[in-house]
Protein backbone atom coordinates (compact mmCIF):
# COMPACT_ATOMS: atom_id res chain seq x y z
CA MET A 1 -28.44 94.93 -82.11
CA GLN A 2 -25.89 96.94 -80.14
CA LEU A 3 -27.99 96.66 -76.94
CA THR A 4 -28.09 92.91 -77.20
CA THR A 5 -24.37 92.70 -77.55
CA VAL A 6 -23.80 95.00 -74.58
CA SER A 7 -26.22 92.95 -72.44
CA ARG A 8 -24.38 89.74 -73.23
CA LEU A 9 -21.03 91.30 -72.39
CA ARG A 10 -22.40 92.53 -69.09
CA SER A 11 -23.80 89.11 -68.14
CA PHE A 12 -20.51 87.47 -69.05
CA SER A 13 -18.54 89.94 -66.95
CA ILE A 14 -20.75 89.37 -63.92
CA GLY A 15 -20.40 85.58 -64.25
CA LEU A 16 -16.65 85.88 -64.53
CA LEU A 17 -16.46 87.98 -61.39
CA VAL A 18 -18.52 85.40 -59.46
CA VAL A 19 -16.14 82.62 -60.50
CA ILE A 20 -13.09 84.69 -59.54
CA PHE A 21 -14.43 85.50 -56.07
CA VAL A 22 -15.97 82.08 -55.22
CA SER A 23 -13.07 79.78 -56.30
CA PRO A 24 -10.51 80.99 -53.66
CA VAL A 25 -13.04 80.36 -50.87
CA PHE A 26 -14.15 76.77 -51.67
CA GLY A 27 -11.34 75.65 -53.96
CA GLN A 28 -11.78 73.58 -57.06
CA ASP A 29 -14.40 70.78 -56.75
CA THR A 30 -14.75 71.35 -52.97
CA ASN A 31 -17.78 70.38 -50.81
CA PRO A 32 -17.97 72.17 -47.44
CA PHE A 33 -19.75 69.14 -45.85
CA ASP A 34 -16.94 66.78 -46.94
CA GLU A 35 -14.36 69.08 -45.37
CA HIS A 36 -16.27 69.04 -42.07
CA VAL A 37 -16.31 65.20 -42.01
CA LYS A 38 -12.59 65.03 -42.76
CA ALA A 39 -11.81 67.45 -39.95
CA ALA A 40 -13.82 65.41 -37.42
CA THR A 41 -12.15 62.17 -38.56
CA ALA A 42 -8.67 63.68 -38.24
CA LYS A 43 -9.48 64.94 -34.72
CA GLY A 44 -10.63 61.46 -33.58
CA ALA A 45 -7.55 59.79 -35.01
CA LEU A 46 -5.31 62.31 -33.21
CA ALA A 47 -7.08 61.56 -29.90
CA ARG A 48 -6.57 57.80 -30.31
CA THR A 49 -2.95 58.30 -31.21
CA ASN A 50 -2.31 60.37 -28.10
CA ALA A 51 -4.06 57.77 -25.88
CA SER A 52 -2.62 54.48 -27.15
CA GLY A 53 0.05 55.35 -29.63
CA PRO A 54 -0.10 54.76 -33.37
CA ASP A 55 -2.03 51.72 -34.61
CA THR A 56 -2.67 50.42 -31.10
CA ASN A 57 -5.45 47.96 -30.08
CA PRO A 58 -6.07 47.57 -26.32
CA PHE A 59 -6.80 43.86 -26.77
CA ASP A 60 -3.52 43.41 -28.62
CA GLU A 61 -1.74 45.09 -25.71
CA GLN A 62 -3.21 42.56 -23.23
CA ASP A 63 -2.03 39.66 -25.38
CA LYS A 64 1.44 41.19 -25.61
CA ALA A 65 1.59 41.63 -21.81
CA ALA A 66 0.59 37.99 -21.18
CA THR A 67 3.17 36.77 -23.72
CA ALA A 68 5.89 38.87 -22.11
CA LYS A 69 4.95 37.47 -18.65
CA GLY A 70 5.24 33.85 -19.86
CA ALA A 71 8.57 34.57 -21.59
CA SER A 72 9.91 36.11 -18.37
CA ALA A 73 8.93 32.99 -16.37
CA ARG A 74 10.66 30.68 -18.88
CA THR A 75 13.78 32.79 -18.78
CA SER A 76 13.84 32.65 -14.97
CA THR A 77 13.43 28.86 -15.02
CA ALA A 78 16.28 28.46 -17.52
CA ARG A 79 18.62 30.57 -15.40
CA THR A 80 17.86 29.17 -11.94
CA GLY A 81 16.79 25.61 -12.81
CA THR A 82 13.74 26.05 -10.57
CA ALA A 83 10.27 25.60 -11.98
CA ALA A 84 8.00 28.60 -11.65
CA PRO A 85 4.50 28.26 -10.19
CA ALA A 86 1.92 26.63 -12.45
CA SER A 87 0.01 29.87 -13.02
CA THR A 88 3.23 31.65 -14.08
CA GLN A 89 4.31 28.88 -16.44
CA THR A 90 1.02 28.74 -18.28
CA GLY A 91 0.12 32.42 -18.09
CA ASP A 92 -3.35 31.27 -17.08
CA ASP A 93 -4.71 31.94 -13.59
CA ASP A 94 -8.10 30.42 -14.33
CA PRO A 95 -8.96 28.00 -11.44
CA PHE A 96 -10.70 25.66 -13.89
CA PHE A 97 -7.29 24.81 -15.37
CA ALA A 98 -5.62 24.12 -11.97
CA LYS A 99 -4.35 20.54 -11.44
CA PRO A 100 -6.31 18.56 -8.82
CA ALA A 101 -4.44 17.89 -5.55
CA LYS A 102 -3.22 14.32 -4.99
CA VAL A 103 -5.21 12.41 -2.38
CA SER A 104 -3.04 10.12 -0.24
CA ARG A 105 -4.40 6.67 0.74
CA PRO A 106 -3.35 4.38 3.57
CA PRO A 107 -1.25 1.35 2.55
CA THR A 108 -3.09 -1.89 1.95
CA LEU A 109 -2.53 -4.92 4.18
CA ARG A 110 -0.53 -6.64 1.45
CA GLU A 111 1.73 -3.59 1.11
CA GLN A 112 2.24 -3.50 4.88
CA ILE A 113 3.36 -7.12 5.24
CA GLU A 114 5.66 -6.70 2.23
CA THR A 115 7.53 -3.83 3.93
CA LYS A 116 7.23 -4.31 7.71
CA ARG A 117 10.06 -6.40 9.16
CA ILE A 118 10.47 -8.47 12.33
CA ASP A 119 12.89 -10.95 13.92
CA ILE A 120 11.85 -14.51 14.74
CA HIS A 121 14.22 -16.51 16.98
CA GLU A 122 12.46 -19.72 17.98
CA ARG A 123 14.93 -22.54 18.61
CA ALA A 124 12.23 -24.95 19.74
CA GLU A 125 8.80 -25.79 18.49
CA PHE A 126 6.26 -23.04 19.06
CA THR A 127 2.60 -22.49 18.37
CA VAL A 128 0.78 -20.42 15.76
CA GLY A 129 -0.68 -18.38 18.61
CA LYS A 130 2.82 -17.41 19.75
CA LEU A 131 3.80 -16.43 16.20
CA VAL A 132 0.80 -14.11 15.88
CA LYS A 133 1.55 -12.65 19.31
CA THR A 134 5.13 -11.90 18.21
CA ILE A 135 3.91 -10.14 15.06
CA ARG A 136 1.32 -8.08 16.92
CA LYS A 137 3.88 -7.02 19.49
CA ASP A 138 5.57 -4.82 16.86
CA TYR A 139 2.53 -4.19 14.64
CA PRO A 140 -0.64 -4.29 16.78
CA THR A 141 -2.89 -2.86 14.04
CA LEU A 142 -2.35 -5.70 11.55
CA ASN A 143 -5.53 -7.68 10.92
CA ILE A 144 -4.60 -11.34 11.51
CA ILE A 145 -7.05 -14.01 12.63
CA VAL A 146 -6.47 -17.67 13.51
CA SER A 147 -9.12 -20.39 13.56
CA LYS A 148 -9.78 -22.07 16.89
CA ASN A 149 -8.31 -25.44 15.95
CA THR A 150 -5.15 -23.76 14.57
CA VAL A 151 -3.99 -21.65 17.52
CA SER A 152 -2.25 -24.58 19.21
CA SER A 153 -0.78 -26.03 16.00
CA LYS A 154 2.97 -26.57 16.19
CA ILE A 155 5.60 -24.88 14.03
CA PRO A 156 9.15 -26.30 13.84
CA PRO A 157 12.02 -24.06 15.02
CA ILE A 158 12.46 -20.94 12.88
CA GLU A 159 15.14 -18.25 13.10
CA LEU A 160 14.76 -15.21 10.83
CA SER A 161 16.39 -11.78 11.09
CA ASN A 162 15.01 -8.58 9.56
CA ALA A 163 12.47 -10.56 7.54
CA THR A 164 9.24 -9.15 6.16
CA ILE A 165 6.03 -10.43 7.70
CA LEU A 166 5.15 -11.94 4.34
CA SER A 167 8.43 -13.91 4.40
CA VAL A 168 7.67 -15.13 7.93
CA LEU A 169 4.26 -16.43 6.85
CA TYR A 170 5.79 -18.24 3.88
CA ALA A 171 8.45 -19.70 6.18
CA MET A 172 5.68 -21.01 8.48
CA GLN A 173 3.97 -22.61 5.50
CA ALA A 174 7.20 -24.22 4.25
CA ALA A 175 8.30 -25.46 7.70
CA THR A 176 4.99 -27.26 8.24
CA GLU A 177 4.98 -28.64 4.68
CA SER A 178 1.80 -26.65 3.92
CA GLU A 179 0.01 -28.15 6.91
CA LEU A 180 -0.46 -24.49 7.90
CA SER A 181 -1.26 -21.83 5.33
CA PHE A 182 -2.53 -18.26 5.09
CA GLU A 183 -4.77 -16.30 2.76
CA PHE A 184 -6.18 -12.80 2.27
CA LEU A 185 -9.90 -12.69 2.91
CA GLU A 186 -12.19 -11.07 0.34
CA PRO A 187 -13.64 -8.68 -0.65
CA ASP A 188 -10.99 -6.07 0.16
CA GLU A 189 -8.19 -8.45 1.24
CA ASN A 190 -7.70 -6.44 4.42
CA VAL A 191 -7.58 -9.48 6.74
CA ILE A 192 -5.12 -12.41 6.88
CA CYS A 193 -6.43 -15.77 8.01
CA ILE A 194 -4.05 -18.52 9.17
CA SER A 195 -5.63 -21.95 8.94
CA ARG A 196 -4.83 -25.63 9.12
CA ASP A 197 -5.25 -27.99 6.18
CA PRO A 198 -8.74 -29.48 6.66
CA ASP A 199 -7.56 -32.86 5.31
CA ILE A 200 -5.15 -33.20 8.23
CA GLY A 201 -7.85 -32.63 10.81
CA PRO A 202 -7.77 -30.57 14.00
CA ALA A 203 -4.56 -29.98 15.86
CA PRO A 204 -3.88 -32.86 18.28
CA GLU A 205 -4.20 -32.21 21.99
CA ALA A 206 -2.10 -33.63 24.79
CA THR A 207 -3.68 -36.46 26.75
CA VAL A 208 -2.78 -38.37 29.90
CA SER A 209 -2.07 -42.08 30.13
CA VAL A 210 -1.32 -44.20 33.20
CA PHE A 211 1.25 -47.01 33.16
CA ASN A 212 1.68 -49.80 35.75
CA VAL A 213 5.44 -50.18 36.22
CA GLU A 214 5.42 -52.31 39.40
CA GLU A 215 7.02 -55.36 37.74
CA ILE A 216 9.67 -53.20 36.05
CA LEU A 217 10.72 -51.51 39.28
CA LYS A 218 11.22 -54.90 40.99
CA ASN A 219 14.32 -55.55 38.85
CA THR A 220 15.16 -52.07 37.47
CA PRO A 221 16.14 -49.05 39.57
CA GLU A 222 13.73 -46.12 39.36
CA GLU A 223 16.37 -43.72 38.03
CA SER A 224 17.40 -46.14 35.28
CA PHE A 225 13.80 -46.65 34.23
CA LEU A 226 13.01 -42.91 34.02
CA SER A 227 16.30 -42.29 32.20
CA ALA A 228 15.40 -44.88 29.54
CA VAL A 229 12.02 -43.21 28.95
CA GLU A 230 13.58 -39.76 28.60
CA ILE A 231 16.18 -41.02 26.11
CA GLY A 232 13.47 -42.60 23.95
CA LEU A 233 11.41 -39.39 23.89
CA ASN A 234 14.41 -37.20 23.08
CA MET A 235 15.44 -39.40 20.17
CA GLN A 236 11.94 -39.29 18.73
CA GLY A 237 12.25 -35.62 17.70
CA GLY A 238 9.49 -33.32 16.43
CA SER A 239 7.18 -34.73 19.05
CA GLY A 240 5.31 -31.53 19.82
CA SER A 241 4.69 -30.36 23.36
CA LYS A 242 6.94 -31.30 26.25
CA VAL A 243 6.14 -34.59 27.95
CA GLU A 244 5.25 -34.55 31.66
CA MET A 245 5.93 -37.66 33.77
CA VAL A 246 5.09 -38.31 37.41
CA LEU A 247 5.87 -41.59 39.20
CA HIS A 248 3.72 -42.41 42.20
CA LYS A 249 6.02 -44.59 44.35
CA GLU A 250 3.39 -45.99 46.68
CA THR A 251 1.26 -47.49 43.87
CA LYS A 252 4.03 -47.89 41.28
CA LEU A 253 1.91 -46.02 38.72
CA MET A 254 3.48 -43.59 36.25
CA PHE A 255 1.34 -40.73 34.86
CA VAL A 256 2.42 -39.39 31.47
CA LYS A 257 0.96 -36.38 29.67
CA GLY A 258 1.83 -35.90 26.01
CA MET A 259 0.83 -36.32 22.39
CA TYR A 260 -0.21 -39.63 20.88
CA ARG A 261 3.21 -40.41 19.40
CA GLN A 262 4.92 -39.59 22.68
CA LEU A 263 2.60 -41.86 24.63
CA GLU A 264 3.16 -44.57 22.05
CA THR A 265 6.93 -44.31 22.58
CA VAL A 266 6.54 -44.57 26.35
CA GLN A 267 4.32 -47.63 25.86
CA GLU A 268 6.99 -49.36 23.77
CA ILE A 269 9.68 -48.69 26.39
CA VAL A 270 7.48 -49.97 29.21
CA ASP A 271 6.70 -53.14 27.23
CA LYS A 272 10.35 -53.85 26.48
CA LEU A 273 11.45 -53.34 30.10
CA ALA A 274 8.56 -55.52 31.30
CA GLU A 275 9.78 -58.31 28.98
CA ILE A 276 13.25 -58.07 30.45
CA SER A 277 11.91 -58.01 34.00
CA LEU A 278 9.50 -60.92 33.62
CA GLY A 279 11.72 -62.89 31.27
CA ARG A 280 8.89 -63.38 28.81
CA VAL A 281 7.17 -61.64 25.86
CA ASN A 282 4.51 -59.31 27.21
CA GLY A 283 1.90 -59.09 24.43
CA GLY A 284 -0.83 -56.56 23.86
CA GLY A 285 -1.14 -53.54 21.61
CA GLY A 286 -1.65 -49.86 22.02
CA PHE A 287 -1.81 -48.33 25.41
CA GLY A 288 -3.81 -51.21 26.87
CA GLY A 289 -0.99 -53.77 26.88
CA GLY A 290 0.84 -54.91 29.93
CA GLY A 291 1.84 -51.33 30.79
CA PRO A 292 -1.00 -49.00 31.71
CA ARG A 293 -3.89 -49.96 33.95
């Protein structure tokens, strides 16, 4: 009985000593493996703190740098009033976001004739061919064509100063009462065509007629006769090309070159003077009357 009690006291004392000596080393509820993990974690955190500062993410730092760069560009623009380069304004240097360069194109023919200006000072009738020649003198690259039966068509006197080519063409159309017109040829409208109204027919050409004036010159001086013809032609007006007259004194034949209306006027004058000279009505019509032979 006493031995059992002594044995229990001895076992209790040994256990107490173990607890006293072990507790200061490991502490209460301490696992040596957990302490090792904590130490390694603390060491890694300290290394990251020294490298980037507390709570720092390298990707966050890049975003902050880009934001600061854009803010600096906006501040510079506000102070100087000068726009920064596109890559600075957007903070994006990616070439896929760059604006495409503008491609310049040559002006169209319509744009050219609406801006190019010329002077036209024609105080007498002139031809379409001369008008085109005047335009090409200043602008030789303009594409203007004229049909064959239109080149010699007449245009009444026109005087324009510092007028666009388009205005000149409209003036031509108005002066001829739309007998002459122009249009842009398809498909690209890069050519202007000046043409004559097909209902009017081809432009008239000068012809030659011969008049027998022997009876007239028997009673009328040559100078008086030619003066009467010239007065009649001048009063006609708008007659087209200039009339050419040649009197052959030996045969008493007068050669006249001109347009139909001009020749018709000469015929009327010759008929009237022949009536006065012969003292009778000299019948006949057209150019085949008593005048020409």
